[in-house]
PDB file of N, CA and C in Angstrom:
ATOM      1  N   UNK A   1      22.347  57.963  31.674  1.00  0.00           N
ATOM      2  CA  UNK A   1      21.954  57.162  30.528  1.00  0.00           C
ATOM      3  C   UNK A   1      21.661  58.093  29.358  1.00  0.00           C
ATOM      4  N   UNK A   2      22.037  57.690  28.155  1.00  0.00           N
ATOM      5  CA  UNK A   2      21.879  58.544  26.988  1.00  0.00           C
ATOM      6  C   UNK A   2      20.490  58.396  26.389  1.00  0.00           C
ATOM      7  N   UNK A   3      20.105  59.413  25.668  1.00  0.00           N
ATOM      8  CA  UNK A   3      18.826  59.416  24.975  1.00  0.00           C
ATOM      9  C   UNK A   3      18.881  58.410  23.822  1.00  0.00           C
ATOM     10  N   UNK A   4      17.876  57.493  23.677  1.00  0.00           N
ATOM     11  CA  UNK A   4      17.916  56.492  22.601  1.00  0.00           C
ATOM     12  C   UNK A   4      17.955  57.111  21.205  1.00  0.00           C
ATOM     13  N   UNK A   5      17.273  58.239  21.016  1.00  0.00           N
ATOM     14  CA  UNK A   5      17.287  58.889  19.705  1.00  0.00           C
ATOM     15  C   UNK A   5      18.669  59.438  19.371  1.00  0.00           C
ATOM     16  N   UNK A   6      19.346  59.971  20.383  1.00  0.00           N
ATOM     17  CA  UNK A   6      20.691  60.501  20.158  1.00  0.00           C
ATOM     18  C   UNK A   6      21.650  59.361  19.804  1.00  0.00           C
ATOM     19  N   UNK A   7      21.516  58.250  20.518  1.00  0.00           N
ATOM     20  CA  UNK A   7      22.362  57.100  20.244  1.00  0.00           C
ATOM     21  C   UNK A   7      22.108  56.568  18.816  1.00  0.00           C
ATOM     22  N   UNK A   8      20.839  56.517  18.435  1.00  0.00           N
ATOM     23  CA  UNK A   8      20.523  56.040  17.091  1.00  0.00           C
ATOM     24  C   UNK A   8      21.086  56.977  16.030  1.00  0.00           C
ATOM     25  N   UNK A   9      20.992  58.282  16.250  1.00  0.00           N
ATOM     26  CA  UNK A   9      21.561  59.246  15.302  1.00  0.00           C
ATOM     27  C   UNK A   9      23.067  59.062  15.182  1.00  0.00           C
ATOM     28  N   UNK A  10      23.729  58.845  16.309  1.00  0.00           N
ATOM     29  CA  UNK A  10      25.178  58.640  16.282  1.00  0.00           C
ATOM     30  C   UNK A  10      25.542  57.366  15.514  1.00  0.00           C
ATOM     31  N   UNK A  11      24.789  56.305  15.754  1.00  0.00           N
ATOM     32  CA  UNK A  11      25.069  55.044  15.063  1.00  0.00           C
ATOM     33  C   UNK A  11      24.806  55.162  13.559  1.00  0.00           C
ATOM     34  N   UNK A  12      23.738  55.848  13.188  1.00  0.00           N
ATOM     35  CA  UNK A  12      23.451  56.028  11.761  1.00  0.00           C
ATOM     36  C   UNK A  12      24.523  56.872  11.076  1.00  0.00           C
ATOM     37  N   UNK A  13      24.969  57.925  11.734  1.00  0.00           N
ATOM     38  CA  UNK A  13      26.025  58.764  11.162  1.00  0.00           C
ATOM     39  C   UNK A  13      27.313  57.961  11.006  1.00  0.00           C
ATOM     40  N   UNK A  14      27.613  57.142  11.998  1.00  0.00           N
ATOM     41  CA  UNK A  14      28.812  56.319  11.928  1.00  0.00           C
ATOM     42  C   UNK A  14      28.702  55.278  10.803  1.00  0.00           C
ATOM     43  N   UNK A  15      27.510  54.726  10.594  1.00  0.00           N
ATOM     44  CA  UNK A  15      27.322  53.726   9.548  1.00  0.00           C
ATOM     45  C   UNK A  15      27.453  54.337   8.149  1.00  0.00           C
ATOM     46  N   UNK A  16      27.136  55.614   8.013  1.00  0.00           N
ATOM     47  CA  UNK A  16      27.243  56.266   6.698  1.00  0.00           C
ATOM     48  C   UNK A  16      28.671  56.634   6.344  1.00  0.00           C
ATOM     49  N   UNK A  17      29.554  56.720   7.325  1.00  0.00           N
ATOM     50  CA  UNK A  17      30.930  57.137   7.037  1.00  0.00           C
ATOM     51  C   UNK A  17      31.676  56.013   6.304  1.00  0.00           C
ATOM     52  N   UNK A  18      32.516  56.418   5.362  1.00  0.00           N
ATOM     53  CA  UNK A  18      33.296  55.466   4.578  1.00  0.00           C
ATOM     54  C   UNK A  18      34.481  54.949   5.391  1.00  0.00           C
ATOM     55  N   UNK A  19      34.795  53.693   5.187  1.00  0.00           N
ATOM     56  CA  UNK A  19      35.967  53.104   5.813  1.00  0.00           C
ATOM     57  C   UNK A  19      37.118  53.132   4.804  1.00  0.00           C
ATOM     58  N   UNK A  20      38.248  53.612   5.229  1.00  0.00           N
ATOM     59  CA  UNK A  20      39.411  53.652   4.346  1.00  0.00           C
ATOM     60  C   UNK A  20      40.029  52.260   4.297  1.00  0.00           C
ATOM     61  N   UNK A  21      39.964  51.642   3.119  1.00  0.00           N
ATOM     62  CA  UNK A  21      40.533  50.307   2.998  1.00  0.00           C
ATOM     63  C   UNK A  21      41.675  50.258   1.991  1.00  0.00           C
ATOM     64  N   UNK A  22      42.087  51.405   1.499  1.00  0.00           N
ATOM     65  CA  UNK A  22      43.217  51.519   0.569  1.00  0.00           C
ATOM     66  C   UNK A  22      43.056  50.602  -0.647  1.00  0.00           C
ATOM     67  N   UNK A  23      41.835  50.503  -1.163  1.00  0.00           N
ATOM     68  CA  UNK A  23      41.602  49.710  -2.358  1.00  0.00           C
ATOM     69  C   UNK A  23      41.497  48.217  -2.117  1.00  0.00           C
ATOM     70  N   UNK A  24      41.425  47.785  -0.861  1.00  0.00           N
ATOM     71  CA  UNK A  24      41.367  46.364  -0.538  1.00  0.00           C
ATOM     72  C   UNK A  24      40.139  45.698  -1.168  1.00  0.00           C
ATOM     73  N   UNK A  25      38.980  46.336  -1.031  1.00  0.00           N
ATOM     74  CA  UNK A  25      37.752  45.757  -1.561  1.00  0.00           C
ATOM     75  C   UNK A  25      37.847  45.572  -3.074  1.00  0.00           C
ATOM     76  N   UNK A  26      38.357  46.566  -3.774  1.00  0.00           N
ATOM     77  CA  UNK A  26      38.486  46.482  -5.229  1.00  0.00           C
ATOM     78  C   UNK A  26      39.443  45.359  -5.631  1.00  0.00           C
ATOM     79  N   UNK A  27      40.529  45.195  -4.878  1.00  0.00           N
ATOM     80  CA  UNK A  27      41.483  44.125  -5.193  1.00  0.00           C
ATOM     81  C   UNK A  27      40.874  42.748  -4.964  1.00  0.00           C
ATOM     82  N   UNK A  28      40.103  42.597  -3.908  1.00  0.00           N
ATOM     83  CA  UNK A  28      39.470  41.300  -3.624  1.00  0.00           C
ATOM     84  C   UNK A  28      38.452  40.968  -4.714  1.00  0.00           C
ATOM     85  N   UNK A  29      37.632  41.922  -5.087  1.00  0.00           N
ATOM     86  CA  UNK A  29      36.630  41.693  -6.132  1.00  0.00           C
ATOM     87  C   UNK A  29      37.308  41.348  -7.457  1.00  0.00           C
ATOM     88  N   UNK A  30      38.409  42.030  -7.770  1.00  0.00           N
ATOM     89  CA  UNK A  30      39.131  41.759  -9.019  1.00  0.00           C
ATOM     90  C   UNK A  30      39.787  40.381  -8.998  1.00  0.00           C
ATOM     91  N   UNK A  31      40.164  39.886  -7.816  1.00  0.00           N
ATOM     92  CA  UNK A  31      40.847  38.599  -7.713  1.00  0.00           C
ATOM     93  C   UNK A  31      39.883  37.411  -7.737  1.00  0.00           C
ATOM     94  N   UNK A  32      38.589  37.655  -7.537  1.00  0.00           N
ATOM     95  CA  UNK A  32      37.625  36.560  -7.543  1.00  0.00           C
ATOM     96  C   UNK A  32      37.474  35.989  -8.946  1.00  0.00           C
ATOM     97  N   UNK A  33      37.344  34.668  -9.069  1.00  0.00           N
ATOM     98  CA  UNK A  33      37.176  34.075 -10.397  1.00  0.00           C
ATOM     99  C   UNK A  33      35.809  34.425 -10.976  1.00  0.00           C
ATOM    100  N   UNK A  34      35.764  34.523 -12.292  1.00  0.00           N
ATOM    101  CA  UNK A  34      34.505  34.823 -12.966  1.00  0.00           C
ATOM    102  C   UNK A  34      33.588  33.608 -12.880  1.00  0.00           C
ATOM    103  N   UNK A  35      32.302  33.867 -12.826  1.00  0.00           N
ATOM    104  CA  UNK A  35      31.324  32.777 -12.788  1.00  0.00           C
ATOM    105  C   UNK A  35      31.216  32.190 -14.184  1.00  0.00           C
ATOM    106  N   UNK A  36      31.547  30.925 -14.288  1.00  0.00           N
ATOM    107  CA  UNK A  36      31.536  30.269 -15.589  1.00  0.00           C
ATOM    108  C   UNK A  36      30.143  29.773 -15.939  1.00  0.00           C
ATOM    109  N   UNK A  37      29.730  30.057 -17.151  1.00  0.00           N
ATOM    110  CA  UNK A  37      28.468  29.543 -17.646  1.00  0.00           C
ATOM    111  C   UNK A  37      27.240  30.151 -17.010  1.00  0.00           C
ATOM    112  N   UNK A  38      27.406  31.146 -16.185  1.00  0.00           N
ATOM    113  CA  UNK A  38      26.252  31.745 -15.519  1.00  0.00           C
ATOM    114  C   UNK A  38      25.801  32.963 -16.305  1.00  0.00           C
ATOM    115  N   UNK A  39      24.781  32.768 -17.113  1.00  0.00           N
ATOM    116  CA  UNK A  39      24.198  33.866 -17.867  1.00  0.00           C
ATOM    117  C   UNK A  39      22.925  34.267 -17.132  1.00  0.00           C
ATOM    118  N   UNK A  40      22.859  35.527 -16.740  1.00  0.00           N
ATOM    119  CA  UNK A  40      21.720  35.992 -15.954  1.00  0.00           C
ATOM    120  C   UNK A  40      20.723  36.705 -16.868  1.00  0.00           C
ATOM    121  N   UNK A  41      19.545  36.156 -16.938  1.00  0.00           N
ATOM    122  CA  UNK A  41      18.468  36.785 -17.696  1.00  0.00           C
ATOM    123  C   UNK A  41      17.470  37.328 -16.690  1.00  0.00           C
ATOM    124  N   UNK A  42      17.260  38.637 -16.720  1.00  0.00           N
ATOM    125  CA  UNK A  42      16.352  39.273 -15.757  1.00  0.00           C
ATOM    126  C   UNK A  42      14.911  38.816 -15.949  1.00  0.00           C
ATOM    127  N   UNK A  43      14.551  38.414 -17.141  1.00  0.00           N
ATOM    128  CA  UNK A  43      13.172  38.043 -17.422  1.00  0.00           C
ATOM    129  C   UNK A  43      12.867  36.592 -17.068  1.00  0.00           C
ATOM    130  N   UNK A  44      13.897  35.779 -16.827  1.00  0.00           N
ATOM    131  CA  UNK A  44      13.682  34.342 -16.661  1.00  0.00           C
ATOM    132  C   UNK A  44      12.892  34.004 -15.395  1.00  0.00           C
ATOM    133  N   UNK A  45      13.266  34.558 -14.257  1.00  0.00           N
ATOM    134  CA  UNK A  45      12.574  34.225 -13.014  1.00  0.00           C
ATOM    135  C   UNK A  45      11.112  34.667 -13.042  1.00  0.00           C
ATOM    136  N   UNK A  46      10.806  35.926 -13.441  1.00  0.00           N
ATOM    137  CA  UNK A  46       9.380  36.287 -13.512  1.00  0.00           C
ATOM    138  C   UNK A  46       8.601  35.432 -14.503  1.00  0.00           C
ATOM    139  N   UNK A  47       9.223  35.056 -15.623  1.00  0.00           N
ATOM    140  CA  UNK A  47       8.528  34.222 -16.602  1.00  0.00           C
ATOM    141  C   UNK A  47       8.240  32.836 -16.023  1.00  0.00           C
ATOM    142  N   UNK A  48       9.200  32.277 -15.296  1.00  0.00           N
ATOM    143  CA  UNK A  48       8.982  30.965 -14.677  1.00  0.00           C
ATOM    144  C   UNK A  48       7.888  31.019 -13.617  1.00  0.00           C
ATOM    145  N   UNK A  49       7.878  32.080 -12.823  1.00  0.00           N
ATOM    146  CA  UNK A  49       6.866  32.200 -11.771  1.00  0.00           C
ATOM    147  C   UNK A  49       5.481  32.368 -12.387  1.00  0.00           C
ATOM    148  N   UNK A  50       5.363  33.266 -13.368  1.00  0.00           N
ATOM    149  CA  UNK A  50       4.056  33.479 -13.996  1.00  0.00           C
ATOM    150  C   UNK A  50       3.601  32.231 -14.760  1.00  0.00           C
ATOM    151  N   UNK A  51       4.522  31.563 -15.440  1.00  0.00           N
ATOM    152  CA  UNK A  51       4.171  30.339 -16.147  1.00  0.00           C
ATOM    153  C   UNK A  51       3.734  29.242 -15.194  1.00  0.00           C
ATOM    154  N   UNK A  52       4.434  29.127 -14.076  1.00  0.00           N
ATOM    155  CA  UNK A  52       4.056  28.117 -13.074  1.00  0.00           C
ATOM    156  C   UNK A  52       2.689  28.421 -12.484  1.00  0.00           C
ATOM    157  N   UNK A  53       2.416  29.692 -12.234  1.00  0.00           N
ATOM    158  CA  UNK A  53       1.101  30.066 -11.696  1.00  0.00           C
ATOM    159  C   UNK A  53       0.000  29.757 -12.708  1.00  0.00           C
ATOM    160  N   UNK A  54       0.254  30.044 -13.974  1.00  0.00           N
ATOM    161  CA  UNK A  54      -0.743  29.760 -15.011  1.00  0.00           C
ATOM    162  C   UNK A  54      -0.966  28.257 -15.150  1.00  0.00           C
ATOM    163  N   UNK A  55       0.116  27.488 -15.168  1.00  0.00           N
ATOM    164  CA  UNK A  55      -0.007  26.039 -15.277  1.00  0.00           C
ATOM    165  C   UNK A  55      -0.721  25.455 -14.064  1.00  0.00           C
ATOM    166  N   UNK A  56      -0.380  25.927 -12.874  1.00  0.00           N
ATOM    167  CA  UNK A  56      -1.037  25.450 -11.662  1.00  0.00           C
ATOM    168  C   UNK A  56      -2.523  25.778 -11.651  1.00  0.00           C
ATOM    169  N   UNK A  57      -2.871  26.963 -12.128  1.00  0.00           N
ATOM    170  CA  UNK A  57      -4.284  27.343 -12.198  1.00  0.00           C
ATOM    171  C   UNK A  57      -5.030  26.466 -13.190  1.00  0.00           C
ATOM    172  N   UNK A  58      -4.414  26.227 -14.346  1.00  0.00           N
ATOM    173  CA  UNK A  58      -5.061  25.383 -15.353  1.00  0.00           C
ATOM    174  C   UNK A  58      -5.250  23.961 -14.841  1.00  0.00           C
ATOM    175  N   UNK A  59      -4.235  23.424 -14.174  1.00  0.00           N
ATOM    176  CA  UNK A  59      -4.354  22.071 -13.630  1.00  0.00           C
ATOM    177  C   UNK A  59      -5.406  22.000 -12.521  1.00  0.00           C
ATOM    178  N   UNK A  60      -5.442  23.020 -11.659  1.00  0.00           N
ATOM    179  CA  UNK A  60      -6.439  23.035 -10.587  1.00  0.00           C
ATOM    180  C   UNK A  60      -7.847  23.093 -11.165  1.00  0.00           C
ATOM    181  N   UNK A  61      -8.021  23.870 -12.219  1.00  0.00           N
ATOM    182  CA  UNK A  61      -9.342  23.958 -12.846  1.00  0.00           C
ATOM    183  C   UNK A  61      -9.701  22.653 -13.542  1.00  0.00           C
ATOM    184  N   UNK A  62      -8.738  22.055 -14.245  1.00  0.00           N
ATOM    185  CA  UNK A  62      -9.006  20.822 -14.990  1.00  0.00           C
ATOM    186  C   UNK A  62      -9.254  19.632 -14.067  1.00  0.00           C
ATOM    187  N   UNK A  63      -8.586  19.595 -12.930  1.00  0.00           N
ATOM    188  CA  UNK A  63      -8.697  18.452 -12.027  1.00  0.00           C
ATOM    189  C   UNK A  63      -9.687  18.665 -10.887  1.00  0.00           C
ATOM    190  N   UNK A  64     -10.454  19.749 -10.958  1.00  0.00           N
ATOM    191  CA  UNK A  64     -11.440  20.030  -9.907  1.00  0.00           C
ATOM    192  C   UNK A  64     -12.562  19.001  -9.970  1.00  0.00           C
ATOM    193  N   UNK A  65     -13.213  18.753  -8.849  1.00  0.00           N
ATOM    194  CA  UNK A  65     -14.344  17.821  -8.855  1.00  0.00           C
ATOM    195  C   UNK A  65     -15.433  18.280  -9.825  1.00  0.00           C
ATOM    196  N   UNK A  66     -16.272  17.336 -10.264  1.00  0.00           N
ATOM    197  CA  UNK A  66     -17.258  17.613 -11.320  1.00  0.00           C
ATOM    198  C   UNK A  66     -18.243  18.709 -10.944  1.00  0.00           C
ATOM    199  N   UNK A  67     -18.697  18.748  -9.722  1.00  0.00           N
ATOM    200  CA  UNK A  67     -19.740  19.711  -9.355  1.00  0.00           C
ATOM    201  C   UNK A  67     -19.227  20.950  -8.670  1.00  0.00           C
ATOM    202  N   UNK A  68     -18.057  21.402  -9.016  1.00  0.00           N
ATOM    203  CA  UNK A  68     -17.482  22.543  -8.321  1.00  0.00           C
ATOM    204  C   UNK A  68     -18.230  23.828  -8.688  1.00  0.00           C
ATOM    205  N   UNK A  69     -18.461  24.667  -7.698  1.00  0.00           N
ATOM    206  CA  UNK A  69     -19.215  25.895  -7.905  1.00  0.00           C
ATOM    207  C   UNK A  69     -18.435  26.937  -8.703  1.00  0.00           C
ATOM    208  N   UNK A  70     -17.127  26.925  -8.616  1.00  0.00           N
ATOM    209  CA  UNK A  70     -16.319  27.917  -9.309  1.00  0.00           C
ATOM    210  C   UNK A  70     -16.477  27.769 -10.822  1.00  0.00           C
ATOM    211  N   UNK A  71     -16.536  26.532 -11.307  1.00  0.00           N
ATOM    212  CA  UNK A  71     -16.745  26.311 -12.742  1.00  0.00           C
ATOM    213  C   UNK A  71     -18.106  26.853 -13.167  1.00  0.00           C
ATOM    214  N   UNK A  72     -19.127  26.661 -12.348  1.00  0.00           N
ATOM    215  CA  UNK A  72     -20.441  27.225 -12.643  1.00  0.00           C
ATOM    216  C   UNK A  72     -20.384  28.754 -12.628  1.00  0.00           C
ATOM    217  N   UNK A  73     -19.592  29.299 -11.747  1.00  0.00           N
ATOM    218  CA  UNK A  73     -19.444  30.752 -11.688  1.00  0.00           C
ATOM    219  C   UNK A  73     -18.814  31.309 -12.945  1.00  0.00           C
ATOM    220  N   UNK A  74     -17.788  30.625 -13.446  1.00  0.00           N
ATOM    221  CA  UNK A  74     -17.174  31.076 -14.693  1.00  0.00           C
ATOM    222  C   UNK A  74     -18.141  30.927 -15.855  1.00  0.00           C
ATOM    223  N   UNK A  75     -18.951  29.886 -15.836  1.00  0.00           N
ATOM    224  CA  UNK A  75     -19.964  29.711 -16.869  1.00  0.00           C
ATOM    225  C   UNK A  75     -20.984  30.838 -16.809  1.00  0.00           C
ATOM    226  N   UNK A  76     -21.378  31.218 -15.612  1.00  0.00           N
ATOM    227  CA  UNK A  76     -22.323  32.326 -15.456  1.00  0.00           C
ATOM    228  C   UNK A  76     -21.714  33.629 -15.965  1.00  0.00           C
ATOM    229  N   UNK A  77     -20.433  33.836 -15.725  1.00  0.00           N
ATOM    230  CA  UNK A  77     -19.775  35.040 -16.237  1.00  0.00           C
ATOM    231  C   UNK A  77     -19.684  35.013 -17.755  1.00  0.00           C
ATOM    232  N   UNK A  78     -19.415  33.843 -18.309  1.00  0.00           N
ATOM    233  CA  UNK A  78     -19.275  33.730 -19.759  1.00  0.00           C
ATOM    234  C   UNK A  78     -20.589  33.973 -20.476  1.00  0.00           C
ATOM    235  N   UNK A  79     -21.690  33.608 -19.863  1.00  0.00           N
ATOM    236  CA  UNK A  79     -22.996  33.802 -20.495  1.00  0.00           C
ATOM    237  C   UNK A  79     -23.632  35.122 -20.081  1.00  0.00           C
ATOM    238  N   UNK A  80     -22.857  36.007 -19.481  1.00  0.00           N
ATOM    239  CA  UNK A  80     -23.282  37.365 -19.107  1.00  0.00           C
ATOM    240  C   UNK A  80     -24.482  37.387 -18.172  1.00  0.00           C
ATOM    241  N   UNK A  81     -24.550  36.424 -17.287  1.00  0.00           N
ATOM    242  CA  UNK A  81     -25.586  36.457 -16.259  1.00  0.00           C
ATOM    243  C   UNK A  81     -25.124  37.387 -15.150  1.00  0.00           C
ATOM    244  N   UNK A  82     -26.004  37.611 -14.198  1.00  0.00           N
ATOM    245  CA  UNK A  82     -25.661  38.472 -13.066  1.00  0.00           C
ATOM    246  C   UNK A  82     -24.544  37.836 -12.247  1.00  0.00           C
ATOM    247  N   UNK A  83     -23.919  38.636 -11.436  1.00  0.00           N
ATOM    248  CA  UNK A  83     -22.839  38.143 -10.581  1.00  0.00           C
ATOM    249  C   UNK A  83     -23.428  37.224  -9.512  1.00  0.00           C
ATOM    250  N   UNK A  84     -23.297  35.954  -9.723  1.00  0.00           N
ATOM    251  CA  UNK A  84     -23.766  34.978  -8.746  1.00  0.00           C
ATOM    252  C   UNK A  84     -22.678  34.790  -7.695  1.00  0.00           C
ATOM    253  N   UNK A  85     -22.993  34.216  -6.552  1.00  0.00           N
ATOM    254  CA  UNK A  85     -21.946  33.961  -5.556  1.00  0.00           C
ATOM    255  C   UNK A  85     -20.818  33.082  -6.095  1.00  0.00           C
ATOM    256  N   UNK A  86     -21.173  32.114  -6.936  1.00  0.00           N
ATOM    257  CA  UNK A  86     -20.131  31.255  -7.515  1.00  0.00           C
ATOM    258  C   UNK A  86     -19.238  32.054  -8.462  1.00  0.00           C
ATOM    259  N   UNK A  87     -19.832  32.958  -9.233  1.00  0.00           N
ATOM    260  CA  UNK A  87     -19.044  33.795 -10.143  1.00  0.00           C
ATOM    261  C   UNK A  87     -18.139  34.723  -9.354  1.00  0.00           C
ATOM    262  N   UNK A  88     -18.660  35.285  -8.287  1.00  0.00           N
ATOM    263  CA  UNK A  88     -17.850  36.158  -7.439  1.00  0.00           C
ATOM    264  C   UNK A  88     -16.695  35.379  -6.820  1.00  0.00           C
ATOM    265  N   UNK A  89     -16.965  34.141  -6.392  1.00  0.00           N
ATOM    266  CA  UNK A  89     -15.893  33.297  -5.844  1.00  0.00           C
ATOM    267  C   UNK A  89     -14.817  33.009  -6.876  1.00  0.00           C
ATOM    268  N   UNK A  90     -15.232  32.732  -8.107  1.00  0.00           N
ATOM    269  CA  UNK A  90     -14.272  32.494  -9.187  1.00  0.00           C
ATOM    270  C   UNK A  90     -13.416  33.719  -9.463  1.00  0.00           C
ATOM    271  N   UNK A  91     -14.039  34.897  -9.465  1.00  0.00           N
ATOM    272  CA  UNK A  91     -13.284  36.132  -9.688  1.00  0.00           C
ATOM    273  C   UNK A  91     -12.300  36.405  -8.555  1.00  0.00           C
ATOM    274  N   UNK A  92     -12.736  36.158  -7.331  1.00  0.00           N
ATOM    275  CA  UNK A  92     -11.853  36.372  -6.186  1.00  0.00           C
ATOM    276  C   UNK A  92     -10.661  35.416  -6.234  1.00  0.00           C
ATOM    277  N   UNK A  93     -10.907  34.153  -6.547  1.00  0.00           N
ATOM    278  CA  UNK A  93      -9.809  33.189  -6.657  1.00  0.00           C
ATOM    279  C   UNK A  93      -8.839  33.576  -7.772  1.00  0.00           C
ATOM    280  N   UNK A  94      -9.380  33.974  -8.907  1.00  0.00           N
ATOM    281  CA  UNK A  94      -8.521  34.386 -10.026  1.00  0.00           C
ATOM    282  C   UNK A  94      -7.700  35.615  -9.656  1.00  0.00           C
ATOM    283  N   UNK A  95      -8.332  36.572  -9.016  1.00  0.00           N
ATOM    284  CA  UNK A  95      -7.612  37.776  -8.602  1.00  0.00           C
ATOM    285  C   UNK A  95      -6.517  37.470  -7.598  1.00  0.00           C
ATOM    286  N   UNK A  96      -6.803  36.575  -6.663  1.00  0.00           N
ATOM    287  CA  UNK A  96      -5.786  36.215  -5.676  1.00  0.00           C
ATOM    288  C   UNK A  96      -4.596  35.534  -6.339  1.00  0.00           C
ATOM    289  N   UNK A  97      -4.863  34.662  -7.306  1.00  0.00           N
ATOM    290  CA  UNK A  97      -3.763  34.004  -8.021  1.00  0.00           C
ATOM    291  C   UNK A  97      -2.935  35.003  -8.812  1.00  0.00           C
ATOM    292  N   UNK A  98      -3.590  35.953  -9.444  1.00  0.00           N
ATOM    293  CA  UNK A  98      -2.861  36.962 -10.219  1.00  0.00           C
ATOM    294  C   UNK A  98      -2.004  37.824  -9.301  1.00  0.00           C
ATOM    295  N   UNK A  99      -2.560  38.248  -8.173  1.00  0.00           N
ATOM    296  CA  UNK A  99      -1.793  39.066  -7.233  1.00  0.00           C
ATOM    297  C   UNK A  99      -0.589  38.294  -6.697  1.00  0.00           C
ATOM    298  N   UNK A 100      -0.793  37.032  -6.344  1.00  0.00           N
ATOM    299  CA  UNK A 100       0.329  36.216  -5.864  1.00  0.00           C
ATOM    300  C   UNK A 100       1.405  36.057  -6.929  1.00  0.00           C
ATOM    301  N   UNK A 101       0.991  35.837  -8.167  1.00  0.00           N
ATOM    302  CA  UNK A 101       1.965  35.688  -9.247  1.00  0.00           C
ATOM    303  C   UNK A 101       2.735  36.970  -9.475  1.00  0.00           C
ATOM    304  N   UNK A 102       2.073  38.106  -9.407  1.00  0.00           N
ATOM    305  CA  UNK A 102       2.757  39.385  -9.601  1.00  0.00           C
ATOM    306  C   UNK A 102       3.747  39.637  -8.473  1.00  0.00           C
ATOM    307  N   UNK A 103       3.327  39.392  -7.248  1.00  0.00           N
ATOM    308  CA  UNK A 103       4.227  39.593  -6.108  1.00  0.00           C
ATOM    309  C   UNK A 103       5.459  38.702  -6.228  1.00  0.00           C
ATOM    310  N   UNK A 104       5.261  37.445  -6.567  1.00  0.00           N
ATOM    311  CA  UNK A 104       6.395  36.542  -6.713  1.00  0.00           C
ATOM    312  C   UNK A 104       7.280  36.934  -7.896  1.00  0.00           C
ATOM    313  N   UNK A 105       6.676  37.416  -8.955  1.00  0.00           N
ATOM    314  CA  UNK A 105       7.468  37.802 -10.126  1.00  0.00           C
ATOM    315  C   UNK A 105       8.296  39.039  -9.841  1.00  0.00           C
ATOM    316  N   UNK A 106       7.803  39.934  -9.009  1.00  0.00           N
ATOM    317  CA  UNK A 106       8.535  41.155  -8.709  1.00  0.00           C
ATOM    318  C   UNK A 106       9.528  40.988  -7.567  1.00  0.00           C
ATOM    319  N   UNK A 107       9.529  39.850  -6.917  1.00  0.00           N
ATOM    320  CA  UNK A 107      10.462  39.579  -5.828  1.00  0.00           C
ATOM    321  C   UNK A 107      11.878  39.557  -6.385  1.00  0.00           C
ATOM    322  N   UNK A 108      12.756  40.378  -5.826  1.00  0.00           N
ATOM    323  CA  UNK A 108      14.109  40.507  -6.382  1.00  0.00           C
ATOM    324  C   UNK A 108      15.136  39.639  -5.695  1.00  0.00           C
ATOM    325  N   UNK A 109      14.762  38.924  -4.678  1.00  0.00           N
ATOM    326  CA  UNK A 109      15.767  38.118  -3.976  1.00  0.00           C
ATOM    327  C   UNK A 109      16.045  36.858  -4.679  1.00  0.00           C
TER     328      UNK A 109
END
């Protein structure tokens, strides 16, 4: 039986080698029809994700129940009081939303 590391090295070396296709790939790509009307803007997807996150956050804040502690926490932060548990919760929620929005905006798939 062969050593697994040796087999993996052989497979990786084989995967790196070029296959001679005599220009077949280039001919196929050249023969494909152009995408009509498809204008790709690199900024569009991140802008949509960040905008959706901002809109969702605003709606969640606006539609929250009347006595929610997070709103009191933001009020405590705005009036420069000490970090109350509600204020800390509001900061943690805001940070989590920002991190999620950044991760989704940077997703390239």
